[in-house]
Amino acid sequence: MTRLFVDTWAASYGASFEGGDGPTSPSTAKVETDPEVPAGDWHPIVAPAGVHTPDLVLLVDGVQRVDGTLSTEEDDGTSFPGLAASYAAGVVRCDLARGAAELAGAQVARALFTASPSVGDVTAGQVRYAVHKVDGSGELSKLHASVQGPLTALEVEISGTARTDGDLLVVDGPLRGRRHLPRTIGYIKKQDKQYLPPALTLVVTALIPGQRSPIFKQGTAWGCWSWYLRLPGASGAPWSGIVRVECSPDLSIEQAVELANLSLVTLPRFASTSYKDPRAPQNLIPIAGLERRLRALLGDPRLLHRALTLAAVRL
């Protein structure tokens, strides 16, 4: 008999997985499935009895917003598009020993992304957009991706100021340029790529809360050790509540297993609930609060757009 499930994610956010019954878009990454458990013996894994949550968990995230699109008129008659963007990064320190959480740091930056060879910084009222030159023609559709690099650098900077010995750093999203950070895991809450063959995918969809998959290795330019786990509060659908976690490929398999087990006893403590968060349970409670705070710090988009318009007229 066919079973029907309703995704716990609100429909306005798409789905927590892509495709009809899970991620169907195949990944081009070369995957090794045997580092921890031979592929033929894959099974759900629970954390050993001696694994405990760290006393301090840091969760870092960033947000970005386009404040306005611009264009230049060069002396030779050519024109280049520009993107004025605000972005912010912050870190939440969760002291699990005391049961307390606090904002450990936050920082806002603004930049004008363009390939124009002549444009300089733009001052819009009390706000300055530092010019950030991009390579190539600077097509507007590609300028949005240019924000990610500076945002990642800001996340690295802000999380570095908050770290202490023995903590665990959770990055909301892939690690990208943060693979060198110690005791750090990337947290990917939306699944859109199929990394595993069907037989091993069945092990993932059979997970229950408190279980993870064996570790596999992704061999791309952003290669990593990776594993899946299921959070509590899922709807029961095959991919509901499934998240992918990753850590640096420079670690040994023993170190990766240690982080995988730590994630298994730590991340479920922060899972959100559907009546409070439309992206439950994957949108972790500290991350949701941090995102709200950071978006507030970006300022009023209408005032910034108006200031940009006036600045362009003056120029």
C-alpha atoms as a PDB file:
ATOM      1  CA  MET A   1       0.000   0.000   0.000  1.00  0.00           C
ATOM      2  CA  THR A   2       1.301   3.435  -0.914  1.00  0.00           C
ATOM      3  CA  ARG A   3       2.235   5.621   2.052  1.00  0.00           C
ATOM      4  CA  LEU A   4       1.955   9.384   2.026  1.00  0.00           C
ATOM      5  CA  PHE A   5       4.017  11.820   4.093  1.00  0.00           C
ATOM      6  CA  VAL A   6       3.891  15.575   4.530  1.00  0.00           C
ATOM      7  CA  ASP A   7       7.301  17.205   4.771  1.00  0.00           C
ATOM      8  CA  THR A   8       7.812  19.055   8.057  1.00  0.00           C
ATOM      9  CA  TRP A   9       9.335  21.952   6.090  1.00  0.00           C
ATOM     10  CA  ALA A  10       6.863  24.683   5.105  1.00  0.00           C
ATOM     11  CA  ALA A  11       6.107  24.510   1.383  1.00  0.00           C
ATOM     12  CA  SER A  12       7.256  28.127   0.899  1.00  0.00           C
ATOM     13  CA  TYR A  13      10.842  26.890   1.481  1.00  0.00           C
ATOM     14  CA  GLY A  14      10.593  24.178  -1.153  1.00  0.00           C
ATOM     15  CA  ALA A  15      11.409  20.766   0.295  1.00  0.00           C
ATOM     16  CA  SER A  16      14.087  19.533   2.660  1.00  0.00           C
ATOM     17  CA  PHE A  17      15.021  17.121  -0.116  1.00  0.00           C
ATOM     18  CA  GLU A  18      14.774  17.387  -3.906  1.00  0.00           C
ATOM     19  CA  GLY A  19      12.937  14.998  -6.196  1.00  0.00           C
ATOM     20  CA  GLY A  20       9.880  12.899  -5.476  1.00  0.00           C
ATOM     21  CA  ASP A  21      11.367  10.584  -2.876  1.00  0.00           C
ATOM     22  CA  GLY A  22      14.757  12.044  -2.071  1.00  0.00           C
ATOM     23  CA  PRO A  23      17.764  13.631  -3.766  1.00  0.00           C
ATOM     24  CA  THR A  24      17.872  12.328  -7.335  1.00  0.00           C
ATOM     25  CA  SER A  25      20.416  14.646  -8.960  1.00  0.00           C
ATOM     26  CA  PRO A  26      23.599  12.569  -9.175  1.00  0.00           C
ATOM     27  CA  SER A  27      26.772  14.101  -7.808  1.00  0.00           C
ATOM     28  CA  THR A  28      29.911  14.169  -9.935  1.00  0.00           C
ATOM     29  CA  ALA A  29      32.058  13.635  -6.845  1.00  0.00           C
ATOM     30  CA  LYS A  30      34.143  10.489  -6.612  1.00  0.00           C
ATOM     31  CA  VAL A  31      32.957   8.729  -3.460  1.00  0.00           C
ATOM     32  CA  GLU A  32      34.762   6.162  -1.316  1.00  0.00           C
ATOM     33  CA  THR A  33      32.293   4.221   0.814  1.00  0.00           C
ATOM     34  CA  ASP A  34      34.617   1.828   2.659  1.00  0.00           C
ATOM     35  CA  PRO A  35      36.768   3.966   5.022  1.00  0.00           C
ATOM     36  CA  GLU A  36      34.807   3.165   8.191  1.00  0.00           C
ATOM     37  CA  VAL A  37      32.630   0.196   7.225  1.00  0.00           C
ATOM     38  CA  PRO A  38      32.914  -1.929   4.059  1.00  0.00           C
ATOM     39  CA  ALA A  39      30.090  -1.092   1.653  1.00  0.00           C
ATOM     40  CA  GLY A  40      28.697  -4.613   1.882  1.00  0.00           C
ATOM     41  CA  ASP A  41      28.348  -4.289   5.660  1.00  0.00           C
ATOM     42  CA  TRP A  42      26.815  -0.798   5.890  1.00  0.00           C
ATOM     43  CA  HIS A  43      24.346  -0.443   8.770  1.00  0.00           C
ATOM     44  CA  PRO A  44      23.010   2.315  11.051  1.00  0.00           C
ATOM     45  CA  ILE A  45      25.509   3.353  13.730  1.00  0.00           C
ATOM     46  CA  VAL A  46      24.847   4.652  17.236  1.00  0.00           C
ATOM     47  CA  ALA A  47      27.347   6.593  19.311  1.00  0.00           C
ATOM     48  CA  PRO A  48      29.431   4.519  21.728  1.00  0.00           C
ATOM     49  CA  ALA A  49      28.394   4.748  25.360  1.00  0.00           C
ATOM     50  CA  GLY A  50      31.453   6.810  26.328  1.00  0.00           C
ATOM     51  CA  VAL A  51      30.747   9.654  23.879  1.00  0.00           C
ATOM     52  CA  HIS A  52      29.394  12.807  25.529  1.00  0.00           C
ATOM     53  CA  THR A  53      28.494  16.230  24.211  1.00  0.00           C
ATOM     54  CA  PRO A  54      31.239  18.848  24.546  1.00  0.00           C
ATOM     55  CA  ASP A  55      30.675  21.500  27.212  1.00  0.00           C
ATOM     56  CA  LEU A  56      30.895  24.285  24.608  1.00  0.00           C
ATOM     57  CA  VAL A  57      29.358  24.237  21.140  1.00  0.00           C
ATOM     58  CA  LEU A  58      29.794  27.180  18.773  1.00  0.00           C
ATOM     59  CA  LEU A  59      27.410  27.599  15.853  1.00  0.00           C
ATOM     60  CA  VAL A  60      28.376  30.042  13.106  1.00  0.00           C
ATOM     61  CA  ASP A  61      26.278  31.325  10.245  1.00  0.00           C
ATOM     62  CA  GLY A  62      26.123  34.181   7.785  1.00  0.00           C
ATOM     63  CA  VAL A  63      23.400  36.032   5.898  1.00  0.00           C
ATOM     64  CA  GLN A  64      23.490  38.211   2.811  1.00  0.00           C
ATOM     65  CA  ARG A  65      21.153  40.632   1.098  1.00  0.00           C
ATOM     66  CA  VAL A  66      21.216  42.590  -2.147  1.00  0.00           C
ATOM     67  CA  ASP A  67      20.611  46.259  -1.371  1.00  0.00           C
ATOM     68  CA  GLY A  68      20.633  47.397  -4.983  1.00  0.00           C
ATOM     69  CA  THR A  69      21.801  46.667  -8.511  1.00  0.00           C
ATOM     70  CA  LEU A  70      23.839  49.285 -10.340  1.00  0.00           C
ATOM     71  CA  SER A  71      25.484  49.760 -13.700  1.00  0.00           C
ATOM     72  CA  THR A  72      28.420  51.834 -14.881  1.00  0.00           C
ATOM     73  CA  GLU A  73      29.076  53.867 -17.980  1.00  0.00           C
ATOM     74  CA  GLU A  74      32.766  53.721 -18.821  1.00  0.00           C
ATOM     75  CA  ASP A  75      34.756  56.304 -20.777  1.00  0.00           C
ATOM     76  CA  ASP A  76      34.944  53.967 -23.771  1.00  0.00           C
ATOM     77  CA  GLY A  77      31.172  53.499 -23.833  1.00  0.00           C
ATOM     78  CA  THR A  78      31.097  50.055 -22.268  1.00  0.00           C
ATOM     79  CA  SER A  79      28.983  49.247 -19.242  1.00  0.00           C
ATOM     80  CA  PHE A  80      29.376  46.892 -16.307  1.00  0.00           C
ATOM     81  CA  PRO A  81      26.701  45.732 -13.842  1.00  0.00           C
ATOM     82  CA  GLY A  82      27.255  46.069 -10.113  1.00  0.00           C
ATOM     83  CA  LEU A  83      25.738  44.515  -7.045  1.00  0.00           C
ATOM     84  CA  ALA A  84      25.587  46.408  -3.754  1.00  0.00           C
ATOM     85  CA  ALA A  85      25.285  43.805  -0.999  1.00  0.00           C
ATOM     86  CA  SER A  86      25.216  43.712   2.771  1.00  0.00           C
ATOM     87  CA  TYR A  87      26.348  40.584   4.567  1.00  0.00           C
ATOM     88  CA  ALA A  88      26.880  39.612   8.174  1.00  0.00           C
ATOM     89  CA  ALA A  89      28.350  36.726  10.151  1.00  0.00           C
ATOM     90  CA  GLY A  90      27.862  35.746  13.754  1.00  0.00           C
ATOM     91  CA  VAL A  91      28.502  32.970  16.227  1.00  0.00           C
ATOM     92  CA  VAL A  92      26.371  31.597  19.053  1.00  0.00           C
ATOM     93  CA  ARG A  93      28.141  30.061  22.054  1.00  0.00           C
ATOM     94  CA  CYS A  94      26.118  27.287  23.686  1.00  0.00           C
ATOM     95  CA  ASP A  95      27.373  26.317  27.137  1.00  0.00           C
ATOM     96  CA  LEU A  96      25.757  22.909  27.532  1.00  0.00           C
ATOM     97  CA  ALA A  97      27.191  22.476  31.022  1.00  0.00           C
ATOM     98  CA  ARG A  98      25.288  25.576  32.213  1.00  0.00           C
ATOM     99  CA  GLY A  99      22.374  25.279  29.805  1.00  0.00           C
ATOM    100  CA  ALA A 100      22.984  28.796  28.477  1.00  0.00           C
ATOM    101  CA  ALA A 101      23.443  30.335  25.030  1.00  0.00           C
ATOM    102  CA  GLU A 102      24.692  33.762  24.039  1.00  0.00           C
ATOM    103  CA  LEU A 103      25.749  35.730  20.996  1.00  0.00           C
ATOM    104  CA  ALA A 104      29.540  35.514  21.071  1.00  0.00           C
ATOM    105  CA  GLY A 105      30.149  37.934  18.211  1.00  0.00           C
ATOM    106  CA  ALA A 106      28.660  39.441  15.069  1.00  0.00           C
ATOM    107  CA  GLN A 107      29.973  41.647  12.291  1.00  0.00           C
ATOM    108  CA  VAL A 108      28.396  43.405   9.308  1.00  0.00           C
ATOM    109  CA  ALA A 109      30.147  44.273   6.030  1.00  0.00           C
ATOM    110  CA  ARG A 110      28.994  45.894   2.798  1.00  0.00           C
ATOM    111  CA  ALA A 111      30.546  45.778  -0.639  1.00  0.00           C
ATOM    112  CA  LEU A 112      29.986  46.715  -4.257  1.00  0.00           C
ATOM    113  CA  PHE A 113      30.721  43.733  -6.511  1.00  0.00           C
ATOM    114  CA  THR A 114      31.574  44.646 -10.100  1.00  0.00           C
ATOM    115  CA  ALA A 115      34.053  44.050 -12.910  1.00  0.00           C
ATOM    116  CA  SER A 116      34.228  47.753 -13.712  1.00  0.00           C
ATOM    117  CA  PRO A 117      37.890  48.866 -13.893  1.00  0.00           C
ATOM    118  CA  SER A 118      37.104  52.439 -12.883  1.00  0.00           C
ATOM    119  CA  VAL A 119      34.449  52.451 -10.167  1.00  0.00           C
ATOM    120  CA  GLY A 120      35.522  53.072  -6.563  1.00  0.00           C
ATOM    121  CA  ASP A 121      33.935  52.765  -3.150  1.00  0.00           C
ATOM    122  CA  VAL A 122      30.393  54.110  -2.914  1.00  0.00           C
ATOM    123  CA  THR A 123      29.267  56.116   0.099  1.00  0.00           C
ATOM    124  CA  ALA A 124      25.511  55.938   0.574  1.00  0.00           C
ATOM    125  CA  GLY A 125      24.521  58.182   3.449  1.00  0.00           C
ATOM    126  CA  GLN A 126      26.349  56.884   6.513  1.00  0.00           C
ATOM    127  CA  VAL A 127      27.183  53.564   4.839  1.00  0.00           C
ATOM    128  CA  ARG A 128      30.187  52.764   2.658  1.00  0.00           C
ATOM    129  CA  TYR A 129      30.175  49.976   0.094  1.00  0.00           C
ATOM    130  CA  ALA A 130      33.797  48.969  -0.456  1.00  0.00           C
ATOM    131  CA  VAL A 131      34.407  48.034  -4.074  1.00  0.00           C
ATOM    132  CA  HIS A 132      35.152  44.361  -4.620  1.00  0.00           C
ATOM    133  CA  LYS A 133      36.465  43.717  -8.140  1.00  0.00           C
ATOM    134  CA  VAL A 134      35.412  40.470  -9.784  1.00  0.00           C
ATOM    135  CA  ASP A 135      37.029  38.777 -12.763  1.00  0.00           C
ATOM    136  CA  GLY A 136      35.521  38.564 -16.221  1.00  0.00           C
ATOM    137  CA  SER A 137      32.634  40.536 -17.627  1.00  0.00           C
ATOM    138  CA  GLY A 138      30.863  40.532 -14.278  1.00  0.00           C
ATOM    139  CA  GLU A 139      27.517  39.223 -15.514  1.00  0.00           C
ATOM    140  CA  LEU A 140      24.834  40.188 -13.041  1.00  0.00           C
ATOM    141  CA  SER A 141      23.704  36.578 -12.686  1.00  0.00           C
ATOM    142  CA  LYS A 142      27.226  35.640 -11.542  1.00  0.00           C
ATOM    143  CA  LEU A 143      27.767  38.553  -9.184  1.00  0.00           C
ATOM    144  CA  HIS A 144      25.519  36.991  -6.545  1.00  0.00           C
ATOM    145  CA  ALA A 145      27.972  34.082  -6.162  1.00  0.00           C
ATOM    146  CA  SER A 146      30.800  36.577  -5.603  1.00  0.00           C
ATOM    147  CA  VAL A 147      29.387  37.469  -2.186  1.00  0.00           C
ATOM    148  CA  GLN A 148      30.025  33.978  -0.803  1.00  0.00           C
ATOM    149  CA  GLY A 149      33.822  34.298  -0.630  1.00  0.00           C
ATOM    150  CA  PRO A 150      33.922  37.456   1.519  1.00  0.00           C
ATOM    151  CA  LEU A 151      31.065  36.112   3.639  1.00  0.00           C
ATOM    152  CA  THR A 152      32.957  32.886   4.321  1.00  0.00           C
ATOM    153  CA  ALA A 153      36.054  34.887   5.274  1.00  0.00           C
ATOM    154  CA  LEU A 154      33.961  36.936   7.677  1.00  0.00           C
ATOM    155  CA  GLU A 155      32.554  33.760   9.249  1.00  0.00           C
ATOM    156  CA  VAL A 156      36.077  32.405   9.751  1.00  0.00           C
ATOM    157  CA  GLU A 157      37.177  35.670  11.354  1.00  0.00           C
ATOM    158  CA  ILE A 158      34.221  35.975  13.719  1.00  0.00           C
ATOM    159  CA  SER A 159      34.289  32.326  14.822  1.00  0.00           C
ATOM    160  CA  GLY A 160      38.043  32.455  15.455  1.00  0.00           C
ATOM    161  CA  THR A 161      37.609  35.170  18.062  1.00  0.00           C
ATOM    162  CA  ALA A 162      35.126  33.054  20.027  1.00  0.00           C
ATOM    163  CA  ARG A 163      36.912  29.701  20.140  1.00  0.00           C
ATOM    164  CA  THR A 164      38.297  28.005  23.241  1.00  0.00           C
ATOM    165  CA  ASP A 165      40.067  24.701  23.831  1.00  0.00           C
ATOM    166  CA  GLY A 166      37.814  21.661  23.620  1.00  0.00           C
ATOM    167  CA  ASP A 167      34.843  23.296  21.903  1.00  0.00           C
ATOM    168  CA  LEU A 168      33.019  22.025  18.803  1.00  0.00           C
ATOM    169  CA  LEU A 169      32.400  24.457  15.931  1.00  0.00           C
ATOM    170  CA  VAL A 170      29.317  23.828  13.778  1.00  0.00           C
ATOM    171  CA  VAL A 171      29.244  25.664  10.437  1.00  0.00           C
ATOM    172  CA  ASP A 172      25.803  26.085   8.900  1.00  0.00           C
ATOM    173  CA  GLY A 173      26.458  24.790   5.391  1.00  0.00           C
ATOM    174  CA  PRO A 174      29.438  23.152   3.659  1.00  0.00           C
ATOM    175  CA  LEU A 175      32.896  23.791   5.080  1.00  0.00           C
ATOM    176  CA  ARG A 176      34.300  25.243   1.837  1.00  0.00           C
ATOM    177  CA  GLY A 177      37.279  27.398   2.911  1.00  0.00           C
ATOM    178  CA  ARG A 178      37.100  26.359   6.559  1.00  0.00           C
ATOM    179  CA  ARG A 179      38.504  22.847   6.344  1.00  0.00           C
ATOM    180  CA  HIS A 180      41.626  23.916   8.213  1.00  0.00           C
ATOM    181  CA  LEU A 181      39.693  24.833  11.376  1.00  0.00           C
ATOM    182  CA  PRO A 182      40.125  22.312  14.241  1.00  0.00           C
ATOM    183  CA  ARG A 183      37.155  20.372  15.681  1.00  0.00           C
ATOM    184  CA  THR A 184      34.853  21.795  13.025  1.00  0.00           C
ATOM    185  CA  ILE A 185      31.940  20.206  11.170  1.00  0.00           C
ATOM    186  CA  GLY A 186      29.802  21.447   8.307  1.00  0.00           C
ATOM    187  CA  TYR A 187      26.045  21.037   8.668  1.00  0.00           C
ATOM    188  CA  ILE A 188      24.025  20.643   5.445  1.00  0.00           C
ATOM    189  CA  LYS A 189      20.310  20.658   6.149  1.00  0.00           C
ATOM    190  CA  LYS A 190      18.898  20.404   2.617  1.00  0.00           C
ATOM    191  CA  GLN A 191      19.702  17.379   0.474  1.00  0.00           C
ATOM    192  CA  ASP A 192      19.754  17.877  -3.303  1.00  0.00           C
ATOM    193  CA  LYS A 193      22.571  15.585  -4.470  1.00  0.00           C
ATOM    194  CA  GLN A 194      22.688  11.808  -4.633  1.00  0.00           C
ATOM    195  CA  TYR A 195      26.130  10.708  -3.408  1.00  0.00           C
ATOM    196  CA  LEU A 196      25.551   7.025  -2.651  1.00  0.00           C
ATOM    197  CA  PRO A 197      24.464   4.010  -4.710  1.00  0.00           C
ATOM    198  CA  PRO A 198      20.882   2.774  -4.132  1.00  0.00           C
ATOM    199  CA  ALA A 199      21.855  -0.057  -1.777  1.00  0.00           C
ATOM    200  CA  LEU A 200      23.649   2.338   0.596  1.00  0.00           C
ATOM    201  CA  THR A 201      20.956   4.998   0.241  1.00  0.00           C
ATOM    202  CA  LEU A 202      18.560   2.470   1.768  1.00  0.00           C
ATOM    203  CA  VAL A 203      20.739   2.440   4.887  1.00  0.00           C
ATOM    204  CA  VAL A 204      20.423   6.238   5.110  1.00  0.00           C
ATOM    205  CA  THR A 205      16.637   6.313   4.727  1.00  0.00           C
ATOM    206  CA  ALA A 206      16.322   3.531   7.324  1.00  0.00           C
ATOM    207  CA  LEU A 207      18.003   5.657  10.008  1.00  0.00           C
ATOM    208  CA  ILE A 208      16.017   6.553  13.103  1.00  0.00           C
ATOM    209  CA  PRO A 209      16.781   9.504  15.395  1.00  0.00           C
ATOM    210  CA  GLY A 210      20.002   8.786  17.263  1.00  0.00           C
ATOM    211  CA  GLN A 211      21.595   6.892  14.368  1.00  0.00           C
ATOM    212  CA  ARG A 212      24.047   7.872  11.649  1.00  0.00           C
ATOM    213  CA  SER A 213      25.360   6.302   8.495  1.00  0.00           C
ATOM    214  CA  PRO A 214      28.936   5.072   8.156  1.00  0.00           C
ATOM    215  CA  ILE A 215      31.422   7.668   6.943  1.00  0.00           C
ATOM    216  CA  PHE A 216      32.154   8.053   3.243  1.00  0.00           C
ATOM    217  CA  LYS A 217      34.701  10.274   1.501  1.00  0.00           C
ATOM    218  CA  GLN A 218      33.922  12.782  -1.236  1.00  0.00           C
ATOM    219  CA  GLY A 219      36.806  13.422  -3.602  1.00  0.00           C
ATOM    220  CA  THR A 220      35.975  16.765  -5.214  1.00  0.00           C
ATOM    221  CA  ALA A 221      37.746  20.131  -5.108  1.00  0.00           C
ATOM    222  CA  TRP A 222      35.811  20.631  -1.858  1.00  0.00           C
ATOM    223  CA  GLY A 223      36.413  17.040  -0.752  1.00  0.00           C
ATOM    224  CA  CYS A 224      35.533  15.933   2.768  1.00  0.00           C
ATOM    225  CA  TRP A 225      34.656  13.090   5.084  1.00  0.00           C
ATOM    226  CA  SER A 226      30.865  12.921   5.181  1.00  0.00           C
ATOM    227  CA  TRP A 227      27.991  11.090   6.890  1.00  0.00           C
ATOM    228  CA  TYR A 228      24.221  11.308   7.341  1.00  0.00           C
ATOM    229  CA  LEU A 229      22.160  11.362  10.520  1.00  0.00           C
ATOM    230  CA  ARG A 230      18.478  11.736  11.296  1.00  0.00           C
ATOM    231  CA  LEU A 231      17.194  14.358  13.726  1.00  0.00           C
ATOM    232  CA  PRO A 232      14.230  13.854  16.059  1.00  0.00           C
ATOM    233  CA  GLY A 233      10.889  15.340  15.078  1.00  0.00           C
ATOM    234  CA  ALA A 234      10.853  14.197  11.441  1.00  0.00           C
ATOM    235  CA  SER A 235       7.612  13.264   9.682  1.00  0.00           C
ATOM    236  CA  GLY A 236       8.666   9.686   9.021  1.00  0.00           C
ATOM    237  CA  ALA A 237       9.184  10.136   5.279  1.00  0.00           C
ATOM    238  CA  PRO A 238      12.361   8.485   3.954  1.00  0.00           C
ATOM    239  CA  TRP A 239      14.421  11.710   3.816  1.00  0.00           C
ATOM    240  CA  SER A 240      12.589  13.786   6.411  1.00  0.00           C
ATOM    241  CA  GLY A 241      14.929  15.041   9.131  1.00  0.00           C
ATOM    242  CA  ILE A 242      18.022  13.685   7.355  1.00  0.00           C
ATOM    243  CA  VAL A 243      21.052  15.994   7.409  1.00  0.00           C
ATOM    244  CA  ARG A 244      24.505  15.536   5.970  1.00  0.00           C
ATOM    245  CA  VAL A 245      27.527  16.405   8.107  1.00  0.00           C
ATOM    246  CA  GLU A 246      31.088  16.815   6.894  1.00  0.00           C
ATOM    247  CA  CYS A 247      34.581  17.410   8.230  1.00  0.00           C
ATOM    248  CA  SER A 248      38.026  18.070   6.798  1.00  0.00           C
ATOM    249  CA  PRO A 249      39.522  15.395   4.508  1.00  0.00           C
ATOM    250  CA  ASP A 250      42.897  16.154   6.077  1.00  0.00           C
ATOM    251  CA  LEU A 251      41.814  14.333   9.243  1.00  0.00           C
ATOM    252  CA  SER A 252      42.484  10.647   9.765  1.00  0.00           C
ATOM    253  CA  ILE A 253      39.531   8.276   9.601  1.00  0.00           C
ATOM    254  CA  GLU A 254      39.813   7.847  13.387  1.00  0.00           C
ATOM    255  CA  GLN A 255      39.499  11.610  13.894  1.00  0.00           C
ATOM    256  CA  ALA A 256      36.566  11.746  11.465  1.00  0.00           C
ATOM    257  CA  VAL A 257      34.797   8.971  13.382  1.00  0.00           C
ATOM    258  CA  GLU A 258      35.304  10.922  16.607  1.00  0.00           C
ATOM    259  CA  LEU A 259      33.638  13.994  15.104  1.00  0.00           C
ATOM    260  CA  ALA A 260      30.851  11.896  13.581  1.00  0.00           C
ATOM    261  CA  ASN A 261      29.995  10.428  16.968  1.00  0.00           C
ATOM    262  CA  LEU A 262      30.183  13.872  18.591  1.00  0.00           C
ATOM    263  CA  SER A 263      27.746  15.218  15.985  1.00  0.00           C
ATOM    264  CA  LEU A 264      25.381  12.339  16.697  1.00  0.00           C
ATOM    265  CA  VAL A 265      25.077  13.182  20.399  1.00  0.00           C
ATOM    266  CA  THR A 266      25.191  16.972  19.918  1.00  0.00           C
ATOM    267  CA  LEU A 267      23.143  18.091  16.917  1.00  0.00           C
ATOM    268  CA  PRO A 268      19.835  16.435  17.949  1.00  0.00           C
ATOM    269  CA  ARG A 269      19.833  18.624  21.081  1.00  0.00           C
ATOM    270  CA  PHE A 270      19.389  21.684  18.866  1.00  0.00           C
ATOM    271  CA  ALA A 271      16.710  20.312  16.510  1.00  0.00           C
ATOM    272  CA  SER A 272      13.770  22.666  15.996  1.00  0.00           C
ATOM    273  CA  THR A 273      10.073  21.836  16.157  1.00  0.00           C
ATOM    274  CA  SER A 274       7.534  22.396  13.386  1.00  0.00           C
ATOM    275  CA  TYR A 275       5.197  24.614  15.403  1.00  0.00           C
ATOM    276  CA  LYS A 276       8.061  27.069  16.003  1.00  0.00           C
ATOM    277  CA  ASP A 277      10.088  26.835  12.798  1.00  0.00           C
ATOM    278  CA  PRO A 278       8.865  26.239   9.213  1.00  0.00           C
ATOM    279  CA  ARG A 279      12.135  24.420   8.434  1.00  0.00           C
ATOM    280  CA  ALA A 280      11.993  21.996  11.358  1.00  0.00           C
ATOM    281  CA  PRO A 281      13.731  19.915  12.449  1.00  0.00           C
ATOM    282  CA  GLN A 282      16.796  20.708  10.311  1.00  0.00           C
ATOM    283  CA  ASN A 283      16.982  24.450  11.002  1.00  0.00           C
ATOM    284  CA  LEU A 284      18.745  24.262  14.368  1.00  0.00           C
ATOM    285  CA  ILE A 285      17.315  26.495  17.106  1.00  0.00           C
ATOM    286  CA  PRO A 286      20.508  28.531  17.716  1.00  0.00           C
ATOM    287  CA  ILE A 287      20.974  29.043  13.968  1.00  0.00           C
ATOM    288  CA  ALA A 288      17.402  30.277  13.530  1.00  0.00           C
ATOM    289  CA  GLY A 289      17.867  32.829  16.319  1.00  0.00           C
ATOM    290  CA  LEU A 290      21.239  33.894  14.924  1.00  0.00           C
ATOM    291  CA  GLU A 291      19.786  34.429  11.445  1.00  0.00           C
ATOM    292  CA  ARG A 292      17.076  36.721  12.840  1.00  0.00           C
ATOM    293  CA  ARG A 293      19.653  38.759  14.742  1.00  0.00           C
ATOM    294  CA  LEU A 294      21.975  39.075  11.750  1.00  0.00           C
ATOM    295  CA  ARG A 295      19.205  40.126   9.374  1.00  0.00           C
ATOM    296  CA  ALA A 296      18.217  42.847  11.819  1.00  0.00           C
ATOM    297  CA  LEU A 297      21.821  44.073  11.885  1.00  0.00           C
ATOM    298  CA  LEU A 298      21.831  44.509   8.093  1.00  0.00           C
ATOM    299  CA  GLY A 299      19.613  47.578   8.465  1.00  0.00           C
ATOM    300  CA  ASP A 300      16.497  48.788   6.679  1.00  0.00           C
ATOM    301  CA  PRO A 301      16.710  47.735   3.000  1.00  0.00           C
ATOM    302  CA  ARG A 302      14.415  50.565   1.857  1.00  0.00           C
ATOM    303  CA  LEU A 303      16.592  53.243   3.445  1.00  0.00           C
ATOM    304  CA  LEU A 304      19.751  51.700   2.007  1.00  0.00           C
ATOM    305  CA  HIS A 305      18.236  51.460  -1.472  1.00  0.00           C
ATOM    306  CA  ARG A 306      17.208  55.104  -1.277  1.00  0.00           C
ATOM    307  CA  ALA A 307      20.701  56.095  -0.134  1.00  0.00           C
ATOM    308  CA  LEU A 308      22.257  54.131  -2.995  1.00  0.00           C
ATOM    309  CA  THR A 309      19.990  55.850  -5.488  1.00  0.00           C
ATOM    310  CA  LEU A 310      21.003  59.291  -4.204  1.00  0.00           C
ATOM    311  CA  ALA A 311      24.689  58.304  -4.217  1.00  0.00           C
ATOM    312  CA  ALA A 312      24.444  57.211  -7.852  1.00  0.00           C
ATOM    313  CA  VAL A 313      22.880  60.545  -8.803  1.00  0.00           C
ATOM    314  CA  ARG A 314      25.703  62.440  -7.092  1.00  0.00           C
ATOM    315  CA  LEU A 315      28.331  60.349  -8.862  1.00  0.00           C
END
